[in-house]
Amino acid sequence: MELLIQREAERLGFAACGIVTLGPARTFDRFQNWLELGYAAGMAYLQRRVELRSHPMLVAPEARAAIVVAARYPATVPLQPFSNYAVGKDYHAVLRARLKQLAAAIKANCPVKFWSRICVDSAPVLEREWAVRAGLGWIGRQGSLVNAEWGTTLFLGELLVNLELKPTVASGRPNKCGACRKCVEACPTGAIQPDGLVDARRCISYLTIEHEGEIPEALRGRLGGSLFGCDRCTVVCPYNPAGDAAILPEFKAAARPMPTAEQCLELSVSDFRQKFRDTAIYRSGLARLQRNAIIALAKSKRLRSALSACSGHE
């Protein structure tokens, strides 16, 4: 069965797939500490029924193993106003559809009654821990999974199953970041802390996507024109391969031209819905996108004014 799972995952286009036996979460205390430090910012949903994250079987009592998959998205440089992960279709829907096919293939070949649950940011499980324990990689200094072959621009999904399956690895993969600090140095707001935790209150990705209301004035000038998300700490990872191998067609950037900050301000609710309804951007909403566009344009105008003033003194 384990070989069938790996082959089917590969056929479905996942860059990596691993299996892990479920048990108590080893990083639960670290997650609680992250919450206590206030690093979750306004993401109150992460604090609801937090104890469920201590063991996947509290979420799904039938589950005995997790099949963890990773799907690669572009690690494009130079940086764009929209994160690389947002230019394609909504990864929640894409991964869920493929995990549903994986579950169907397992069920068709399973000699016992089969049960499964799909998780793609939709259940209180510490998915990066389970990805590490399934052998998909290690956690880098920027808090994301790093895979030795496919780098760090990866979406994760889990299929919880009621089967007793052989784990892919005994104890995860070794951390290969070494002395590299490229991700830390790439963050203009200092969101990546020395202990490897990420303070969402300073994270451009959080501020432009999740944060409600006004963005703190002290951080606006550091957003770098970002309209949705940030790739600064991921695209610099030396483990990212060149080219678009293993990137699903739904995530490739060429298929969808993105609007400028000026064009974002001209969008109506109907325009926004039509352009972004099948993307992760739609979940954030038009109001936040236009808030970010105003900040980006204000910075651009200030920069032009400063350059003009400098030229006048020459």
C-alpha atoms as a PDB file:
ATOM      1  CA  MET A   1       0.000   0.000   0.000  1.00  0.00           C
ATOM      2  CA  GLU A   2       2.840   2.421   0.834  1.00  0.00           C
ATOM      3  CA  LEU A   3       4.318   1.994  -2.665  1.00  0.00           C
ATOM      4  CA  LEU A   4       0.910   2.590  -4.245  1.00  0.00           C
ATOM      5  CA  ILE A   5       0.530   5.796  -2.223  1.00  0.00           C
ATOM      6  CA  GLN A   6       3.921   7.113  -3.319  1.00  0.00           C
ATOM      7  CA  ARG A   7       3.306   6.272  -6.971  1.00  0.00           C
ATOM      8  CA  GLU A   8      -0.157   7.816  -6.980  1.00  0.00           C
ATOM      9  CA  ALA A   9       1.108  10.978  -5.271  1.00  0.00           C
ATOM     10  CA  GLU A  10       3.795  11.290  -7.930  1.00  0.00           C
ATOM     11  CA  ARG A  11       1.242  10.728 -10.696  1.00  0.00           C
ATOM     12  CA  LEU A  12      -0.927  13.481  -9.227  1.00  0.00           C
ATOM     13  CA  GLY A  13       1.963  15.922  -9.499  1.00  0.00           C
ATOM     14  CA  PHE A  14       3.031  16.302  -5.883  1.00  0.00           C
ATOM     15  CA  ALA A  15       6.699  17.197  -5.513  1.00  0.00           C
ATOM     16  CA  ALA A  16       7.053  15.090  -2.368  1.00  0.00           C
ATOM     17  CA  CYS A  17       5.033  12.628  -0.325  1.00  0.00           C
ATOM     18  CA  GLY A  18       5.690  10.960   3.011  1.00  0.00           C
ATOM     19  CA  ILE A  19       3.931   8.832   5.592  1.00  0.00           C
ATOM     20  CA  VAL A  20       4.040   9.266   9.365  1.00  0.00           C
ATOM     21  CA  THR A  21       2.460   7.341  12.239  1.00  0.00           C
ATOM     22  CA  LEU A  22       0.371   9.685  14.366  1.00  0.00           C
ATOM     23  CA  GLY A  23       1.145  10.432  17.987  1.00  0.00           C
ATOM     24  CA  PRO A  24       1.536  13.390  20.338  1.00  0.00           C
ATOM     25  CA  ALA A  25       2.811  16.552  18.636  1.00  0.00           C
ATOM     26  CA  ARG A  26       6.420  17.258  19.612  1.00  0.00           C
ATOM     27  CA  THR A  27       6.280  20.980  18.801  1.00  0.00           C
ATOM     28  CA  PHE A  28       3.067  21.774  20.661  1.00  0.00           C
ATOM     29  CA  ASP A  29       4.885  23.558  23.500  1.00  0.00           C
ATOM     30  CA  ARG A  30       6.770  25.662  20.957  1.00  0.00           C
ATOM     31  CA  PHE A  31       3.467  26.564  19.287  1.00  0.00           C
ATOM     32  CA  GLN A  32       1.975  27.566  22.633  1.00  0.00           C
ATOM     33  CA  ASN A  33       5.032  29.697  23.369  1.00  0.00           C
ATOM     34  CA  TRP A  34       4.607  31.405  19.970  1.00  0.00           C
ATOM     35  CA  LEU A  35       1.031  32.255  20.913  1.00  0.00           C
ATOM     36  CA  GLU A  36       1.980  33.498  24.389  1.00  0.00           C
ATOM     37  CA  LEU A  37       4.599  35.839  22.914  1.00  0.00           C
ATOM     38  CA  GLY A  38       1.853  37.479  20.859  1.00  0.00           C
ATOM     39  CA  TYR A  39       3.454  36.412  17.588  1.00  0.00           C
ATOM     40  CA  ALA A  40       0.096  35.242  16.183  1.00  0.00           C
ATOM     41  CA  ALA A  41      -0.935  38.928  15.995  1.00  0.00           C
ATOM     42  CA  GLY A  42      -4.623  39.159  15.069  1.00  0.00           C
ATOM     43  CA  MET A  43      -5.047  35.520  14.033  1.00  0.00           C
ATOM     44  CA  ALA A  44      -7.363  34.699  16.936  1.00  0.00           C
ATOM     45  CA  TYR A  45      -8.584  31.548  15.196  1.00  0.00           C
ATOM     46  CA  LEU A  46      -5.236  29.911  15.986  1.00  0.00           C
ATOM     47  CA  GLN A  47      -5.977  30.222  19.695  1.00  0.00           C
ATOM     48  CA  ARG A  48      -9.388  28.586  19.576  1.00  0.00           C
ATOM     49  CA  ARG A  49      -9.359  25.065  21.029  1.00  0.00           C
ATOM     50  CA  VAL A  50      -5.586  25.134  20.923  1.00  0.00           C
ATOM     51  CA  GLU A  51      -5.325  21.790  22.748  1.00  0.00           C
ATOM     52  CA  LEU A  52      -6.518  19.996  19.603  1.00  0.00           C
ATOM     53  CA  ARG A  53      -3.126  20.641  18.025  1.00  0.00           C
ATOM     54  CA  SER A  54      -1.420  18.540  20.682  1.00  0.00           C
ATOM     55  CA  HIS A  55      -2.522  15.283  19.003  1.00  0.00           C
ATOM     56  CA  PRO A  56      -4.190  14.708  15.595  1.00  0.00           C
ATOM     57  CA  MET A  57      -6.370  12.000  17.074  1.00  0.00           C
ATOM     58  CA  LEU A  58      -8.152  14.689  19.097  1.00  0.00           C
ATOM     59  CA  VAL A  59      -9.200  16.105  15.734  1.00  0.00           C
ATOM     60  CA  ALA A  60      -9.882  12.745  14.067  1.00  0.00           C
ATOM     61  CA  PRO A  61     -10.116   9.794  16.503  1.00  0.00           C
ATOM     62  CA  GLU A  62     -10.183   7.304  13.613  1.00  0.00           C
ATOM     63  CA  ALA A  63      -6.822   8.459  12.245  1.00  0.00           C
ATOM     64  CA  ARG A  64      -3.751   6.276  12.661  1.00  0.00           C
ATOM     65  CA  ALA A  65      -1.383   7.723  10.054  1.00  0.00           C
ATOM     66  CA  ALA A  66      -0.948  10.833   7.958  1.00  0.00           C
ATOM     67  CA  ILE A  67       0.040  10.974   4.322  1.00  0.00           C
ATOM     68  CA  VAL A  68       1.751  14.348   3.920  1.00  0.00           C
ATOM     69  CA  VAL A  69       2.217  15.890   0.492  1.00  0.00           C
ATOM     70  CA  ALA A  70       4.020  18.954  -0.811  1.00  0.00           C
ATOM     71  CA  ALA A  71       3.164  20.819  -4.008  1.00  0.00           C
ATOM     72  CA  ARG A  72       5.706  23.254  -5.411  1.00  0.00           C
ATOM     73  CA  TYR A  73       4.901  26.794  -6.537  1.00  0.00           C
ATOM     74  CA  PRO A  74       7.241  29.223  -8.349  1.00  0.00           C
ATOM     75  CA  ALA A  75      10.270  30.745  -6.626  1.00  0.00           C
ATOM     76  CA  THR A  76      10.304  33.622  -9.100  1.00  0.00           C
ATOM     77  CA  VAL A  77      12.649  36.588  -8.739  1.00  0.00           C
ATOM     78  CA  PRO A  78      12.662  39.556  -8.893  1.00  0.00           C
ATOM     79  CA  LEU A  79       9.976  40.181  -6.309  1.00  0.00           C
ATOM     80  CA  GLN A  80       6.496  41.068  -7.498  1.00  0.00           C
ATOM     81  CA  PRO A  81       3.688  43.016  -5.753  1.00  0.00           C
ATOM     82  CA  PHE A  82       1.747  39.733  -5.517  1.00  0.00           C
ATOM     83  CA  SER A  83       3.351  36.730  -3.845  1.00  0.00           C
ATOM     84  CA  ASN A  84       4.387  33.926  -6.174  1.00  0.00           C
ATOM     85  CA  TYR A  85       1.944  31.592  -4.467  1.00  0.00           C
ATOM     86  CA  ALA A  86      -1.003  33.890  -5.208  1.00  0.00           C
ATOM     87  CA  VAL A  87      -0.718  34.236  -8.978  1.00  0.00           C
ATOM     88  CA  GLY A  88      -2.111  30.764  -9.610  1.00  0.00           C
ATOM     89  CA  LYS A  89      -5.311  29.097  -8.498  1.00  0.00           C
ATOM     90  CA  ASP A  90      -6.240  28.810  -4.840  1.00  0.00           C
ATOM     91  CA  TYR A  91      -3.977  26.102  -3.419  1.00  0.00           C
ATOM     92  CA  HIS A  92      -6.652  25.022  -0.946  1.00  0.00           C
ATOM     93  CA  ALA A  93      -8.904  23.856  -3.786  1.00  0.00           C
ATOM     94  CA  VAL A  94      -6.071  22.451  -5.921  1.00  0.00           C
ATOM     95  CA  LEU A  95      -4.564  20.328  -3.148  1.00  0.00           C
ATOM     96  CA  ARG A  96      -7.921  19.175  -1.855  1.00  0.00           C
ATOM     97  CA  ALA A  97      -8.936  17.957  -5.314  1.00  0.00           C
ATOM     98  CA  ARG A  98      -5.727  15.956  -5.716  1.00  0.00           C
ATOM     99  CA  LEU A  99      -5.856  14.556  -2.186  1.00  0.00           C
ATOM    100  CA  LYS A 100      -9.417  13.452  -2.922  1.00  0.00           C
ATOM    101  CA  GLN A 101      -8.087  11.513  -5.918  1.00  0.00           C
ATOM    102  CA  LEU A 102      -5.347  10.013  -3.762  1.00  0.00           C
ATOM    103  CA  ALA A 103      -7.942   8.885  -1.207  1.00  0.00           C
ATOM    104  CA  ALA A 104     -10.045   7.319  -3.955  1.00  0.00           C
ATOM    105  CA  ALA A 105      -7.051   5.361  -5.260  1.00  0.00           C
ATOM    106  CA  ILE A 106      -6.259   4.059  -1.776  1.00  0.00           C
ATOM    107  CA  LYS A 107      -9.875   3.089  -1.161  1.00  0.00           C
ATOM    108  CA  ALA A 108     -10.056   1.199  -4.445  1.00  0.00           C
ATOM    109  CA  ASN A 109      -7.073  -0.921  -3.422  1.00  0.00           C
ATOM    110  CA  CYS A 110      -7.733  -1.237   0.315  1.00  0.00           C
ATOM    111  CA  PRO A 111      -8.821  -4.660   1.660  1.00  0.00           C
ATOM    112  CA  VAL A 112     -10.348  -3.132   4.821  1.00  0.00           C
ATOM    113  CA  LYS A 113     -12.924  -0.426   5.449  1.00  0.00           C
ATOM    114  CA  PHE A 114     -11.202   2.841   4.575  1.00  0.00           C
ATOM    115  CA  TRP A 115     -11.656   6.228   6.212  1.00  0.00           C
ATOM    116  CA  SER A 116      -9.828   9.474   5.467  1.00  0.00           C
ATOM    117  CA  ARG A 117      -9.886  13.191   6.156  1.00  0.00           C
ATOM    118  CA  ILE A 118      -8.289  15.865   3.982  1.00  0.00           C
ATOM    119  CA  CYS A 119      -6.502  18.765   5.674  1.00  0.00           C
ATOM    120  CA  VAL A 120      -5.250  21.805   3.775  1.00  0.00           C
ATOM    121  CA  ASP A 121      -5.088  24.670   6.284  1.00  0.00           C
ATOM    122  CA  SER A 122      -8.500  23.458   7.366  1.00  0.00           C
ATOM    123  CA  ALA A 123      -7.877  21.548  10.594  1.00  0.00           C
ATOM    124  CA  PRO A 124      -5.980  22.294  13.828  1.00  0.00           C
ATOM    125  CA  VAL A 125      -2.930  20.161  13.059  1.00  0.00           C
ATOM    126  CA  LEU A 126       0.708  21.272  13.188  1.00  0.00           C
ATOM    127  CA  GLU A 127       1.262  20.462   9.535  1.00  0.00           C
ATOM    128  CA  ARG A 128       4.913  21.486   9.320  1.00  0.00           C
ATOM    129  CA  GLU A 129       5.806  19.121  12.161  1.00  0.00           C
ATOM    130  CA  TRP A 130       4.068  16.239  10.423  1.00  0.00           C
ATOM    131  CA  ALA A 131       5.799  17.122   7.153  1.00  0.00           C
ATOM    132  CA  VAL A 132       9.166  16.929   8.917  1.00  0.00           C
ATOM    133  CA  ARG A 133       8.308  13.655  10.641  1.00  0.00           C
ATOM    134  CA  ALA A 134       7.108  12.234   7.310  1.00  0.00           C
ATOM    135  CA  GLY A 135      10.551  12.931   5.851  1.00  0.00           C
ATOM    136  CA  LEU A 136       9.682  15.849   3.567  1.00  0.00           C
ATOM    137  CA  GLY A 137      12.404  18.131   4.924  1.00  0.00           C
ATOM    138  CA  TRP A 138      13.261  20.327   7.894  1.00  0.00           C
ATOM    139  CA  ILE A 139      12.147  23.667   9.289  1.00  0.00           C
ATOM    140  CA  GLY A 140      14.305  26.557   8.109  1.00  0.00           C
ATOM    141  CA  ARG A 141      15.121  29.720  10.023  1.00  0.00           C
ATOM    142  CA  GLN A 142      12.164  31.458   8.404  1.00  0.00           C
ATOM    143  CA  GLY A 143       9.750  28.922   9.923  1.00  0.00           C
ATOM    144  CA  SER A 144       8.841  27.133   6.674  1.00  0.00           C
ATOM    145  CA  LEU A 145       9.557  23.619   5.492  1.00  0.00           C
ATOM    146  CA  VAL A 146      12.724  23.252   3.410  1.00  0.00           C
ATOM    147  CA  ASN A 147      13.069  20.273   1.085  1.00  0.00           C
ATOM    148  CA  ALA A 148      16.589  19.375  -0.076  1.00  0.00           C
ATOM    149  CA  GLU A 149      15.388  18.831  -3.665  1.00  0.00           C
ATOM    150  CA  TRP A 150      12.532  21.319  -4.055  1.00  0.00           C
ATOM    151  CA  GLY A 151      13.427  24.152  -1.725  1.00  0.00           C
ATOM    152  CA  THR A 152      10.959  26.120   0.353  1.00  0.00           C
ATOM    153  CA  THR A 153       8.185  27.342  -1.975  1.00  0.00           C
ATOM    154  CA  LEU A 154       5.884  24.489  -1.063  1.00  0.00           C
ATOM    155  CA  PHE A 155       2.214  24.057  -0.211  1.00  0.00           C
ATOM    156  CA  LEU A 156       1.464  21.316   2.324  1.00  0.00           C
ATOM    157  CA  GLY A 157      -1.530  19.030   2.619  1.00  0.00           C
ATOM    158  CA  GLU A 158      -2.375  16.019   4.733  1.00  0.00           C
ATOM    159  CA  LEU A 159      -4.565  12.980   4.276  1.00  0.00           C
ATOM    160  CA  LEU A 160      -5.380  11.463   7.664  1.00  0.00           C
ATOM    161  CA  VAL A 161      -6.222   7.766   7.304  1.00  0.00           C
ATOM    162  CA  ASN A 162      -7.346   4.908   9.530  1.00  0.00           C
ATOM    163  CA  LEU A 163      -4.653   2.566   8.199  1.00  0.00           C
ATOM    164  CA  GLU A 164      -1.554   1.287   9.970  1.00  0.00           C
ATOM    165  CA  LEU A 165       1.109   2.303   7.463  1.00  0.00           C
ATOM    166  CA  LYS A 166       4.885   2.014   7.505  1.00  0.00           C
ATOM    167  CA  PRO A 167       6.474   5.456   8.103  1.00  0.00           C
ATOM    168  CA  THR A 168       8.676   6.882   5.360  1.00  0.00           C
ATOM    169  CA  VAL A 169      11.505   7.642   7.791  1.00  0.00           C
ATOM    170  CA  ALA A 170      12.242   6.827  11.408  1.00  0.00           C
ATOM    171  CA  SER A 171      12.965  10.313  12.736  1.00  0.00           C
ATOM    172  CA  GLY A 172      12.659  12.996  10.041  1.00  0.00           C
ATOM    173  CA  ARG A 173      15.458  14.614   8.036  1.00  0.00           C
ATOM    174  CA  PRO A 174      18.487  16.496   9.406  1.00  0.00           C
ATOM    175  CA  ASN A 175      18.478  20.290   9.283  1.00  0.00           C
ATOM    176  CA  LYS A 176      20.810  21.416   6.488  1.00  0.00           C
ATOM    177  CA  CYS A 177      20.578  25.179   6.872  1.00  0.00           C
ATOM    178  CA  GLY A 178      24.004  25.275   8.460  1.00  0.00           C
ATOM    179  CA  ALA A 179      25.288  28.819   8.964  1.00  0.00           C
ATOM    180  CA  CYS A 180      23.118  30.259   6.166  1.00  0.00           C
ATOM    181  CA  ARG A 181      21.101  33.318   7.212  1.00  0.00           C
ATOM    182  CA  LYS A 182      19.870  34.522   3.828  1.00  0.00           C
ATOM    183  CA  CYS A 183      16.201  34.305   4.812  1.00  0.00           C
ATOM    184  CA  VAL A 184      16.760  36.273   8.025  1.00  0.00           C
ATOM    185  CA  GLU A 185      18.740  38.964   6.253  1.00  0.00           C
ATOM    186  CA  ALA A 186      16.134  39.257   3.470  1.00  0.00           C
ATOM    187  CA  CYS A 187      13.314  40.281   5.834  1.00  0.00           C
ATOM    188  CA  PRO A 188      13.059  44.102   5.885  1.00  0.00           C
ATOM    189  CA  THR A 189      10.854  44.230   8.996  1.00  0.00           C
ATOM    190  CA  GLY A 190      12.800  41.929  11.321  1.00  0.00           C
ATOM    191  CA  ALA A 191       9.926  39.469  11.602  1.00  0.00           C
ATOM    192  CA  ILE A 192      12.207  36.418  11.876  1.00  0.00           C
ATOM    193  CA  GLN A 193      13.361  36.136  15.475  1.00  0.00           C
ATOM    194  CA  PRO A 194      16.701  34.676  16.672  1.00  0.00           C
ATOM    195  CA  ASP A 195      14.946  31.587  18.029  1.00  0.00           C
ATOM    196  CA  GLY A 196      13.473  30.788  14.602  1.00  0.00           C
ATOM    197  CA  LEU A 197       9.984  31.961  15.489  1.00  0.00           C
ATOM    198  CA  VAL A 198       8.261  34.446  13.183  1.00  0.00           C
ATOM    199  CA  ASP A 199       6.558  37.473  14.703  1.00  0.00           C
ATOM    200  CA  ALA A 200       3.486  37.909  12.511  1.00  0.00           C
ATOM    201  CA  ARG A 201       3.038  41.451  13.833  1.00  0.00           C
ATOM    202  CA  ARG A 202       6.052  42.413  11.689  1.00  0.00           C
ATOM    203  CA  CYS A 203       5.561  39.958   8.811  1.00  0.00           C
ATOM    204  CA  ILE A 204       4.713  41.534   5.447  1.00  0.00           C
ATOM    205  CA  SER A 205       2.746  38.451   4.462  1.00  0.00           C
ATOM    206  CA  TYR A 206       0.542  38.704   7.545  1.00  0.00           C
ATOM    207  CA  LEU A 207       0.189  42.469   7.322  1.00  0.00           C
ATOM    208  CA  THR A 208      -0.934  42.471   3.681  1.00  0.00           C
ATOM    209  CA  ILE A 209      -3.170  39.385   3.852  1.00  0.00           C
ATOM    210  CA  GLU A 210      -4.520  38.687   7.342  1.00  0.00           C
ATOM    211  CA  HIS A 211      -4.263  41.986   9.203  1.00  0.00           C
ATOM    212  CA  GLU A 212      -7.506  43.902   9.594  1.00  0.00           C
ATOM    213  CA  GLY A 213      -7.660  47.670   9.704  1.00  0.00           C
ATOM    214  CA  GLU A 214      -4.777  50.068   9.295  1.00  0.00           C
ATOM    215  CA  ILE A 215      -1.207  48.815   8.992  1.00  0.00           C
ATOM    216  CA  PRO A 216       1.061  50.392  11.648  1.00  0.00           C
ATOM    217  CA  GLU A 217       2.651  53.537  10.230  1.00  0.00           C
ATOM    218  CA  ALA A 218       6.155  52.492  11.318  1.00  0.00           C
ATOM    219  CA  LEU A 219       5.938  49.435   9.041  1.00  0.00           C
ATOM    220  CA  ARG A 220       4.232  50.918   5.986  1.00  0.00           C
ATOM    221  CA  GLY A 221       7.459  52.155   4.468  1.00  0.00           C
ATOM    222  CA  ARG A 222       8.968  48.669   4.673  1.00  0.00           C
ATOM    223  CA  LEU A 223       6.281  46.840   2.697  1.00  0.00           C
ATOM    224  CA  GLY A 224       8.251  47.383  -0.490  1.00  0.00           C
ATOM    225  CA  GLY A 225       5.200  47.814  -2.705  1.00  0.00           C
ATOM    226  CA  SER A 226       3.708  44.455  -1.653  1.00  0.00           C
ATOM    227  CA  LEU A 227       0.012  44.155  -2.473  1.00  0.00           C
ATOM    228  CA  PHE A 228      -0.552  40.580  -1.336  1.00  0.00           C
ATOM    229  CA  GLY A 229       1.979  38.466   0.523  1.00  0.00           C
ATOM    230  CA  CYS A 230       5.755  38.386   0.509  1.00  0.00           C
ATOM    231  CA  ASP A 231       8.414  36.063  -0.938  1.00  0.00           C
ATOM    232  CA  ARG A 232      11.540  37.690   0.464  1.00  0.00           C
ATOM    233  CA  CYS A 233      12.510  34.965   2.919  1.00  0.00           C
ATOM    234  CA  THR A 234      11.629  32.074   0.599  1.00  0.00           C
ATOM    235  CA  VAL A 235      13.037  32.979  -2.813  1.00  0.00           C
ATOM    236  CA  VAL A 236      16.536  33.510  -1.383  1.00  0.00           C
ATOM    237  CA  CYS A 237      16.775  29.926  -0.107  1.00  0.00           C
ATOM    238  CA  PRO A 238      19.732  28.188  -1.807  1.00  0.00           C
ATOM    239  CA  TYR A 239      17.771  24.938  -1.936  1.00  0.00           C
ATOM    240  CA  ASN A 240      15.249  26.353  -4.426  1.00  0.00           C
ATOM    241  CA  PRO A 241      15.917  24.698  -7.803  1.00  0.00           C
ATOM    242  CA  ALA A 242      15.995  26.666 -11.034  1.00  0.00           C
ATOM    243  CA  GLY A 243      13.156  26.207 -13.506  1.00  0.00           C
ATOM    244  CA  ASP A 244       9.579  25.076 -13.051  1.00  0.00           C
ATOM    245  CA  ALA A 245      10.009  21.319 -12.586  1.00  0.00           C
ATOM    246  CA  ALA A 246       7.301  19.753 -10.403  1.00  0.00           C
ATOM    247  CA  ILE A 247       5.193  22.928 -10.397  1.00  0.00           C
ATOM    248  CA  LEU A 248       1.550  22.091 -11.028  1.00  0.00           C
ATOM    249  CA  PRO A 249       0.058  23.914 -14.042  1.00  0.00           C
ATOM    250  CA  GLU A 250      -2.508  25.634 -11.800  1.00  0.00           C
ATOM    251  CA  PHE A 251       0.296  27.444  -9.976  1.00  0.00           C
ATOM    252  CA  LYS A 252       2.241  28.778 -12.947  1.00  0.00           C
ATOM    253  CA  ALA A 253       2.347  32.553 -13.187  1.00  0.00           C
ATOM    254  CA  ALA A 254       2.149  33.037 -16.938  1.00  0.00           C
ATOM    255  CA  ALA A 255      -1.553  32.262 -17.084  1.00  0.00           C
ATOM    256  CA  ARG A 256      -2.717  35.277 -15.049  1.00  0.00           C
ATOM    257  CA  PRO A 257      -1.545  38.906 -15.529  1.00  0.00           C
ATOM    258  CA  MET A 258      -1.799  40.769 -12.222  1.00  0.00           C
ATOM    259  CA  PRO A 259      -3.022  44.357 -11.775  1.00  0.00           C
ATOM    260  CA  THR A 260      -0.854  47.285 -10.727  1.00  0.00           C
ATOM    261  CA  ALA A 261      -1.544  49.243  -7.532  1.00  0.00           C
ATOM    262  CA  GLU A 262      -3.350  51.892  -9.613  1.00  0.00           C
ATOM    263  CA  GLN A 263      -5.507  49.242 -11.286  1.00  0.00           C
ATOM    264  CA  CYS A 264      -6.345  47.684  -7.903  1.00  0.00           C
ATOM    265  CA  LEU A 265      -7.872  50.998  -6.793  1.00  0.00           C
ATOM    266  CA  GLU A 266     -10.074  50.997  -9.884  1.00  0.00           C
ATOM    267  CA  LEU A 267     -11.513  47.541  -9.228  1.00  0.00           C
ATOM    268  CA  SER A 268     -15.185  47.259  -8.316  1.00  0.00           C
ATOM    269  CA  VAL A 269     -16.464  44.445  -6.121  1.00  0.00           C
ATOM    270  CA  SER A 270     -17.697  42.720  -9.259  1.00  0.00           C
ATOM    271  CA  ASP A 271     -14.336  43.185 -11.013  1.00  0.00           C
ATOM    272  CA  PHE A 272     -12.501  41.797  -7.991  1.00  0.00           C
ATOM    273  CA  ARG A 273     -14.767  38.766  -7.797  1.00  0.00           C
ATOM    274  CA  GLN A 274     -14.400  37.982 -11.488  1.00  0.00           C
ATOM    275  CA  LYS A 275     -10.610  38.331 -11.510  1.00  0.00           C
ATOM    276  CA  PHE A 276      -9.729  36.652  -8.237  1.00  0.00           C
ATOM    277  CA  ARG A 277     -12.568  34.301  -7.246  1.00  0.00           C
ATOM    278  CA  ASP A 278     -10.483  31.162  -7.891  1.00  0.00           C
ATOM    279  CA  THR A 279      -7.362  32.461  -6.137  1.00  0.00           C
ATOM    280  CA  ALA A 280      -6.149  32.802  -2.549  1.00  0.00           C
ATOM    281  CA  ILE A 281      -6.405  36.597  -3.000  1.00  0.00           C
ATOM    282  CA  TYR A 282     -10.201  36.352  -3.009  1.00  0.00           C
ATOM    283  CA  ARG A 283     -10.191  35.162   0.618  1.00  0.00           C
ATOM    284  CA  SER A 284      -8.491  38.363   1.733  1.00  0.00           C
ATOM    285  CA  GLY A 285     -11.004  40.662   0.065  1.00  0.00           C
ATOM    286  CA  LEU A 286     -11.010  43.841  -1.998  1.00  0.00           C
ATOM    287  CA  ALA A 287     -10.807  46.240   0.956  1.00  0.00           C
ATOM    288  CA  ARG A 288      -7.431  44.915   2.142  1.00  0.00           C
ATOM    289  CA  LEU A 289      -6.057  44.799  -1.382  1.00  0.00           C
ATOM    290  CA  GLN A 290      -6.961  48.440  -1.960  1.00  0.00           C
ATOM    291  CA  ARG A 291      -5.562  49.426   1.465  1.00  0.00           C
ATOM    292  CA  ASN A 292      -2.248  47.863   0.418  1.00  0.00           C
ATOM    293  CA  ALA A 293      -2.393  49.601  -2.958  1.00  0.00           C
ATOM    294  CA  ILE A 294      -2.821  53.001  -1.297  1.00  0.00           C
ATOM    295  CA  ILE A 295       0.253  52.363   0.879  1.00  0.00           C
ATOM    296  CA  ALA A 296       2.285  51.224  -2.143  1.00  0.00           C
ATOM    297  CA  LEU A 297       1.331  54.300  -4.151  1.00  0.00           C
ATOM    298  CA  ALA A 298       1.999  56.640  -1.233  1.00  0.00           C
ATOM    299  CA  LYS A 299       5.506  55.234  -0.857  1.00  0.00           C
ATOM    300  CA  SER A 300       6.115  55.542  -4.596  1.00  0.00           C
ATOM    301  CA  LYS A 301       5.067  59.199  -4.559  1.00  0.00           C
ATOM    302  CA  ARG A 302       7.271  59.938  -1.548  1.00  0.00           C
ATOM    303  CA  LEU A 303      10.221  58.281  -3.282  1.00  0.00           C
ATOM    304  CA  ARG A 304       9.701  60.311  -6.455  1.00  0.00           C
ATOM    305  CA  SER A 305       9.457  63.501  -4.393  1.00  0.00           C
ATOM    306  CA  ALA A 306      12.687  62.662  -2.564  1.00  0.00           C
ATOM    307  CA  LEU A 307      14.516  61.926  -5.807  1.00  0.00           C
ATOM    308  CA  SER A 308      13.211  65.151  -7.323  1.00  0.00           C
ATOM    309  CA  ALA A 309      14.404  67.130  -4.298  1.00  0.00           C
ATOM    310  CA  CYS A 310      17.841  65.509  -4.520  1.00  0.00           C
ATOM    311  CA  SER A 311      18.074  66.345  -8.219  1.00  0.00           C
ATOM    312  CA  GLY A 312      17.201  69.934  -7.469  1.00  0.00           C
ATOM    313  CA  HIS A 313      20.231  70.234  -5.162  1.00  0.00           C
ATOM    314  CA  GLU A 314      22.713  68.910  -7.696  1.00  0.00           C
END
